[in-house]
Amino acid sequence: MRILRASSHRTMPWKNGGGSTTEIAVAPDGAGIDAFDWRISMAVVAADGPFSEFPGVDRTLSILDGAGLVLRGIGAGPVRLDRTTAPFAFPPTRRSRPASSTARSPTST
């Protein structure tokens, strides 16, 4: 087993300024954010806001720390995720999601 420490990997701010992502592994090596085969990353959600777009990419979200997230505009209804919920997988988008697609803290009012 090999331990991959977040502090040893590239961290980048989100385009919308609402958080940051630490890329743990990506293929092919050195692939950019818009051209990867697969990617494992950890995000810090600093503010509520629009949910990020990755057209054509299957995604799975899991909460590692904090109060969790409520996703709206993905699937049939709001999806609440926290440290006790199973990882949430959802299919890729083919085009932009509606403007109402958001991620927010469950403690936001």
N, C-alpha and C. Protein backbone atom coordinates (compact mmCIF):
# COMPACT_ATOMS: atom_id res chain seq x y z
N MET A 1 0.84 -1.17 0.00
CA MET A 1 0.00 0.00 0.00
C MET A 1 0.89 1.24 0.00
N ARG A 2 0.47 2.24 -0.73
CA ARG A 2 1.17 3.52 -0.79
C ARG A 2 0.25 4.63 -0.28
N ILE A 3 0.72 5.42 0.65
CA ILE A 3 -0.06 6.52 1.20
C ILE A 3 0.17 7.76 0.35
N LEU A 4 -0.91 8.36 -0.10
CA LEU A 4 -0.85 9.58 -0.92
C LEU A 4 -1.32 10.74 -0.04
N ARG A 5 -0.45 11.63 0.30
CA ARG A 5 -0.78 12.76 1.16
C ARG A 5 -1.21 13.97 0.32
N ALA A 6 -2.31 14.58 0.71
CA ALA A 6 -2.85 15.72 -0.04
C ALA A 6 -1.82 16.84 -0.16
N SER A 7 -1.01 17.03 0.86
CA SER A 7 -0.03 18.12 0.83
C SER A 7 1.04 17.93 -0.24
N SER A 8 1.13 16.73 -0.80
CA SER A 8 2.12 16.44 -1.84
C SER A 8 1.57 16.63 -3.25
N HIS A 9 0.34 17.10 -3.35
CA HIS A 9 -0.32 17.17 -4.65
C HIS A 9 -0.77 18.59 -4.99
N ARG A 10 -1.08 18.77 -6.26
CA ARG A 10 -1.48 20.07 -6.80
C ARG A 10 -2.87 20.48 -6.29
N THR A 11 -2.94 21.69 -5.72
CA THR A 11 -4.21 22.26 -5.29
C THR A 11 -4.50 23.47 -6.17
N MET A 12 -5.73 23.57 -6.66
CA MET A 12 -6.10 24.66 -7.55
C MET A 12 -7.44 25.26 -7.11
N PRO A 13 -7.57 26.59 -7.19
CA PRO A 13 -8.84 27.23 -6.85
C PRO A 13 -9.89 26.94 -7.92
N TRP A 14 -11.14 26.93 -7.52
CA TRP A 14 -12.22 26.79 -8.48
C TRP A 14 -12.39 28.06 -9.27
N LYS A 15 -12.89 27.92 -10.48
CA LYS A 15 -13.14 29.08 -11.34
C LYS A 15 -14.14 30.05 -10.70
N ASN A 16 -15.12 29.53 -9.95
CA ASN A 16 -16.14 30.40 -9.35
C ASN A 16 -15.71 30.96 -8.00
N GLY A 17 -14.52 30.60 -7.52
CA GLY A 17 -14.01 31.12 -6.26
C GLY A 17 -14.63 30.51 -5.02
N GLY A 18 -15.48 29.50 -5.18
CA GLY A 18 -16.20 28.92 -4.05
C GLY A 18 -15.47 27.80 -3.33
N GLY A 19 -14.25 27.50 -3.72
CA GLY A 19 -13.52 26.42 -3.06
C GLY A 19 -12.24 26.10 -3.80
N SER A 20 -11.70 24.94 -3.48
CA SER A 20 -10.47 24.48 -4.14
C SER A 20 -10.50 22.97 -4.26
N THR A 21 -9.67 22.46 -5.16
CA THR A 21 -9.57 21.02 -5.39
C THR A 21 -8.10 20.61 -5.32
N THR A 22 -7.86 19.52 -4.61
CA THR A 22 -6.53 18.91 -4.59
C THR A 22 -6.59 17.64 -5.42
N GLU A 23 -5.82 17.61 -6.48
CA GLU A 23 -5.80 16.47 -7.40
C GLU A 23 -4.84 15.42 -6.85
N ILE A 24 -5.37 14.25 -6.50
CA ILE A 24 -4.58 13.17 -5.90
C ILE A 24 -3.97 12.29 -6.98
N ALA A 25 -4.75 11.97 -8.00
CA ALA A 25 -4.26 11.14 -9.11
C ALA A 25 -5.06 11.47 -10.36
N VAL A 26 -4.38 11.38 -11.51
CA VAL A 26 -5.03 11.68 -12.78
C VAL A 26 -4.36 10.85 -13.87
N ALA A 27 -5.14 10.47 -14.87
CA ALA A 27 -4.58 9.78 -16.03
C ALA A 27 -5.13 10.42 -17.28
N PRO A 28 -4.27 10.60 -18.28
CA PRO A 28 -2.83 10.34 -18.24
C PRO A 28 -2.12 11.34 -17.33
N ASP A 29 -0.91 10.99 -16.90
CA ASP A 29 -0.13 11.87 -16.04
C ASP A 29 -0.06 13.27 -16.63
N GLY A 30 -0.29 14.26 -15.79
CA GLY A 30 -0.19 15.64 -16.23
C GLY A 30 -1.38 16.17 -17.00
N ALA A 31 -2.46 15.37 -17.12
CA ALA A 31 -3.64 15.81 -17.87
C ALA A 31 -4.24 17.04 -17.23
N GLY A 32 -4.78 17.92 -18.05
CA GLY A 32 -5.43 19.12 -17.57
C GLY A 32 -6.84 18.85 -17.09
N ILE A 33 -7.45 19.87 -16.52
CA ILE A 33 -8.79 19.74 -15.95
C ILE A 33 -9.87 19.45 -16.99
N ASP A 34 -9.60 19.76 -18.26
CA ASP A 34 -10.59 19.52 -19.31
C ASP A 34 -10.27 18.33 -20.19
N ALA A 35 -9.19 17.59 -19.88
CA ALA A 35 -8.79 16.48 -20.77
C ALA A 35 -8.15 15.35 -19.97
N PHE A 36 -8.94 14.66 -19.17
CA PHE A 36 -8.42 13.52 -18.41
C PHE A 36 -9.28 12.29 -18.69
N ASP A 37 -8.67 11.10 -18.53
CA ASP A 37 -9.42 9.84 -18.66
C ASP A 37 -10.13 9.52 -17.35
N TRP A 38 -9.43 9.72 -16.23
CA TRP A 38 -10.02 9.58 -14.90
C TRP A 38 -9.23 10.46 -13.93
N ARG A 39 -9.88 10.77 -12.80
CA ARG A 39 -9.26 11.66 -11.83
C ARG A 39 -9.80 11.38 -10.45
N ILE A 40 -8.93 11.44 -9.45
CA ILE A 40 -9.33 11.36 -8.05
C ILE A 40 -8.89 12.66 -7.40
N SER A 41 -9.82 13.33 -6.76
CA SER A 41 -9.49 14.61 -6.14
C SER A 41 -10.31 14.80 -4.86
N MET A 42 -9.84 15.75 -4.05
CA MET A 42 -10.56 16.16 -2.84
C MET A 42 -10.85 17.64 -2.97
N ALA A 43 -12.06 18.03 -2.59
CA ALA A 43 -12.44 19.43 -2.70
C ALA A 43 -12.74 20.01 -1.32
N VAL A 44 -12.43 21.28 -1.18
CA VAL A 44 -12.85 22.06 -0.02
C VAL A 44 -13.92 23.03 -0.54
N VAL A 45 -15.13 22.88 -0.02
CA VAL A 45 -16.22 23.75 -0.43
C VAL A 45 -16.27 24.91 0.56
N ALA A 46 -15.90 26.09 0.10
CA ALA A 46 -15.82 27.27 0.97
C ALA A 46 -17.09 28.10 0.95
N ALA A 47 -17.89 27.96 -0.10
CA ALA A 47 -19.11 28.77 -0.23
C ALA A 47 -20.14 28.03 -1.07
N ASP A 48 -21.41 28.29 -0.79
CA ASP A 48 -22.49 27.76 -1.61
C ASP A 48 -22.37 28.35 -3.00
N GLY A 49 -22.81 27.58 -4.03
CA GLY A 49 -22.77 28.14 -5.37
C GLY A 49 -23.13 27.15 -6.43
N PRO A 50 -22.93 27.53 -7.69
CA PRO A 50 -23.24 26.66 -8.82
C PRO A 50 -22.40 25.39 -8.76
N PHE A 51 -23.02 24.29 -9.16
CA PHE A 51 -22.31 23.02 -9.18
C PHE A 51 -21.46 22.94 -10.43
N SER A 52 -20.23 22.47 -10.29
CA SER A 52 -19.28 22.46 -11.41
C SER A 52 -19.69 21.53 -12.54
N GLU A 53 -19.29 21.90 -13.73
CA GLU A 53 -19.60 21.15 -14.95
C GLU A 53 -18.41 20.30 -15.38
N PHE A 54 -18.66 19.06 -15.71
CA PHE A 54 -17.69 18.18 -16.36
C PHE A 54 -18.44 17.35 -17.39
N PRO A 55 -18.85 17.96 -18.51
CA PRO A 55 -19.63 17.23 -19.52
C PRO A 55 -18.91 15.96 -19.97
N GLY A 56 -19.67 14.87 -20.04
CA GLY A 56 -19.12 13.60 -20.49
C GLY A 56 -18.39 12.80 -19.44
N VAL A 57 -18.36 13.26 -18.17
CA VAL A 57 -17.60 12.59 -17.12
C VAL A 57 -18.56 12.01 -16.07
N ASP A 58 -18.49 10.69 -15.86
CA ASP A 58 -19.21 10.06 -14.75
C ASP A 58 -18.57 10.56 -13.45
N ARG A 59 -19.38 10.88 -12.45
CA ARG A 59 -18.84 11.41 -11.21
C ARG A 59 -19.39 10.67 -10.01
N THR A 60 -18.58 10.58 -8.97
CA THR A 60 -18.99 10.01 -7.69
C THR A 60 -18.49 10.95 -6.60
N LEU A 61 -19.40 11.38 -5.72
CA LEU A 61 -19.05 12.27 -4.63
C LEU A 61 -19.18 11.55 -3.30
N SER A 62 -18.24 11.81 -2.41
CA SER A 62 -18.27 11.26 -1.07
C SER A 62 -17.80 12.35 -0.11
N ILE A 63 -18.47 12.51 1.00
CA ILE A 63 -18.12 13.53 1.99
C ILE A 63 -17.10 12.94 2.96
N LEU A 64 -15.96 13.60 3.09
CA LEU A 64 -14.90 13.15 3.99
C LEU A 64 -14.92 13.88 5.32
N ASP A 65 -15.37 15.14 5.32
CA ASP A 65 -15.32 15.96 6.52
C ASP A 65 -16.35 17.08 6.41
N GLY A 66 -16.77 17.62 7.52
CA GLY A 66 -17.68 18.75 7.51
C GLY A 66 -19.15 18.35 7.56
N ALA A 67 -20.01 19.35 7.38
CA ALA A 67 -21.46 19.17 7.52
C ALA A 67 -22.10 18.48 6.33
N GLY A 68 -21.41 18.42 5.19
CA GLY A 68 -21.97 17.78 4.01
C GLY A 68 -22.39 18.78 2.96
N LEU A 69 -23.17 18.30 1.99
CA LEU A 69 -23.66 19.12 0.88
C LEU A 69 -25.10 18.76 0.57
N VAL A 70 -25.82 19.73 0.04
CA VAL A 70 -27.13 19.48 -0.56
C VAL A 70 -27.00 19.88 -2.02
N LEU A 71 -27.22 18.93 -2.92
CA LEU A 71 -27.15 19.17 -4.36
C LEU A 71 -28.56 19.33 -4.90
N ARG A 72 -28.76 20.36 -5.69
CA ARG A 72 -30.06 20.59 -6.35
C ARG A 72 -29.82 20.69 -7.85
N GLY A 73 -30.80 20.20 -8.62
CA GLY A 73 -30.70 20.28 -10.08
C GLY A 73 -29.96 19.10 -10.67
N ILE A 74 -29.69 18.08 -9.87
CA ILE A 74 -29.04 16.85 -10.34
C ILE A 74 -29.98 15.71 -9.98
N GLY A 75 -30.64 15.15 -10.98
CA GLY A 75 -31.59 14.08 -10.71
C GLY A 75 -32.95 14.61 -10.35
N ALA A 76 -33.74 13.77 -9.69
CA ALA A 76 -35.15 14.06 -9.44
C ALA A 76 -35.39 15.09 -8.34
N GLY A 77 -34.51 15.22 -7.40
CA GLY A 77 -34.76 16.14 -6.30
C GLY A 77 -33.47 16.48 -5.57
N PRO A 78 -33.58 17.21 -4.47
CA PRO A 78 -32.38 17.53 -3.72
C PRO A 78 -31.72 16.25 -3.20
N VAL A 79 -30.40 16.24 -3.21
CA VAL A 79 -29.63 15.11 -2.69
C VAL A 79 -28.78 15.62 -1.55
N ARG A 80 -28.98 15.07 -0.37
CA ARG A 80 -28.19 15.46 0.79
C ARG A 80 -27.11 14.41 1.02
N LEU A 81 -25.88 14.89 1.11
CA LEU A 81 -24.73 14.01 1.35
C LEU A 81 -24.04 14.43 2.64
N ASP A 82 -23.64 13.45 3.44
CA ASP A 82 -22.82 13.73 4.61
C ASP A 82 -21.87 12.55 4.83
N ARG A 83 -21.13 12.57 5.92
CA ARG A 83 -20.12 11.54 6.15
C ARG A 83 -20.71 10.15 6.34
N THR A 84 -22.01 10.05 6.63
CA THR A 84 -22.63 8.74 6.85
C THR A 84 -23.31 8.18 5.60
N THR A 85 -23.50 9.00 4.56
CA THR A 85 -24.17 8.52 3.36
C THR A 85 -23.18 7.79 2.45
N ALA A 86 -23.72 6.88 1.68
CA ALA A 86 -22.90 6.16 0.69
C ALA A 86 -22.43 7.15 -0.38
N PRO A 87 -21.33 6.85 -1.05
CA PRO A 87 -20.91 7.69 -2.18
C PRO A 87 -22.06 7.84 -3.18
N PHE A 88 -22.18 9.04 -3.74
CA PHE A 88 -23.26 9.35 -4.66
C PHE A 88 -22.70 9.44 -6.08
N ALA A 89 -23.14 8.51 -6.92
CA ALA A 89 -22.70 8.48 -8.32
C ALA A 89 -23.80 9.05 -9.20
N PHE A 90 -23.38 9.80 -10.23
CA PHE A 90 -24.35 10.32 -11.18
C PHE A 90 -23.72 10.38 -12.56
N PRO A 91 -24.56 10.24 -13.60
CA PRO A 91 -24.05 10.17 -14.97
C PRO A 91 -23.55 11.52 -15.46
N PRO A 92 -22.80 11.48 -16.54
CA PRO A 92 -22.26 12.73 -17.11
C PRO A 92 -23.36 13.58 -17.72
N THR A 93 -23.07 14.87 -17.79
CA THR A 93 -23.97 15.78 -18.51
C THR A 93 -23.56 15.77 -19.97
N ARG A 94 -24.52 15.96 -20.82
CA ARG A 94 -24.25 16.06 -22.26
C ARG A 94 -24.16 17.52 -22.68
N ARG A 95 -24.79 18.38 -21.89
CA ARG A 95 -24.75 19.82 -22.14
C ARG A 95 -24.81 20.49 -20.77
N SER A 96 -24.75 21.77 -20.74
CA SER A 96 -24.75 22.50 -19.47
C SER A 96 -26.00 22.19 -18.66
N ARG A 97 -25.80 22.10 -17.35
CA ARG A 97 -26.93 21.92 -16.43
C ARG A 97 -27.69 23.25 -16.34
N PRO A 98 -28.93 23.18 -15.90
CA PRO A 98 -29.67 24.43 -15.72
C PRO A 98 -28.99 25.30 -14.66
N ALA A 99 -29.22 26.59 -14.73
CA ALA A 99 -28.62 27.54 -13.79
C ALA A 99 -28.99 27.22 -12.35
N SER A 100 -30.08 26.47 -12.14
CA SER A 100 -30.52 26.16 -10.79
C SER A 100 -29.73 25.02 -10.14
N SER A 101 -28.78 24.43 -10.86
CA SER A 101 -27.97 23.35 -10.32
C SER A 101 -26.94 23.92 -9.35
N THR A 102 -27.11 23.59 -8.04
CA THR A 102 -26.26 24.18 -7.02
C THR A 102 -25.80 23.16 -6.00
N ALA A 103 -24.74 23.52 -5.29
CA ALA A 103 -24.28 22.77 -4.12
C ALA A 103 -24.24 23.75 -2.97
N ARG A 104 -24.80 23.35 -1.83
CA ARG A 104 -24.77 24.23 -0.66
C ARG A 104 -24.60 23.41 0.60
N SER A 105 -24.17 24.07 1.64
CA SER A 105 -24.05 23.44 2.94
C SER A 105 -25.45 23.19 3.49
N PRO A 106 -25.66 22.05 4.16
CA PRO A 106 -26.98 21.81 4.74
C PRO A 106 -27.30 22.78 5.90
N THR A 107 -26.30 23.48 6.39
CA THR A 107 -26.53 24.45 7.45
C THR A 107 -26.81 25.84 6.92
N SER A 108 -26.75 26.05 5.59
CA SER A 108 -27.08 27.35 5.00
C SER A 108 -28.57 27.60 5.09
N THR A 109 -28.93 28.84 5.19
CA THR A 109 -30.37 29.15 5.24
C THR A 109 -30.82 29.81 3.96
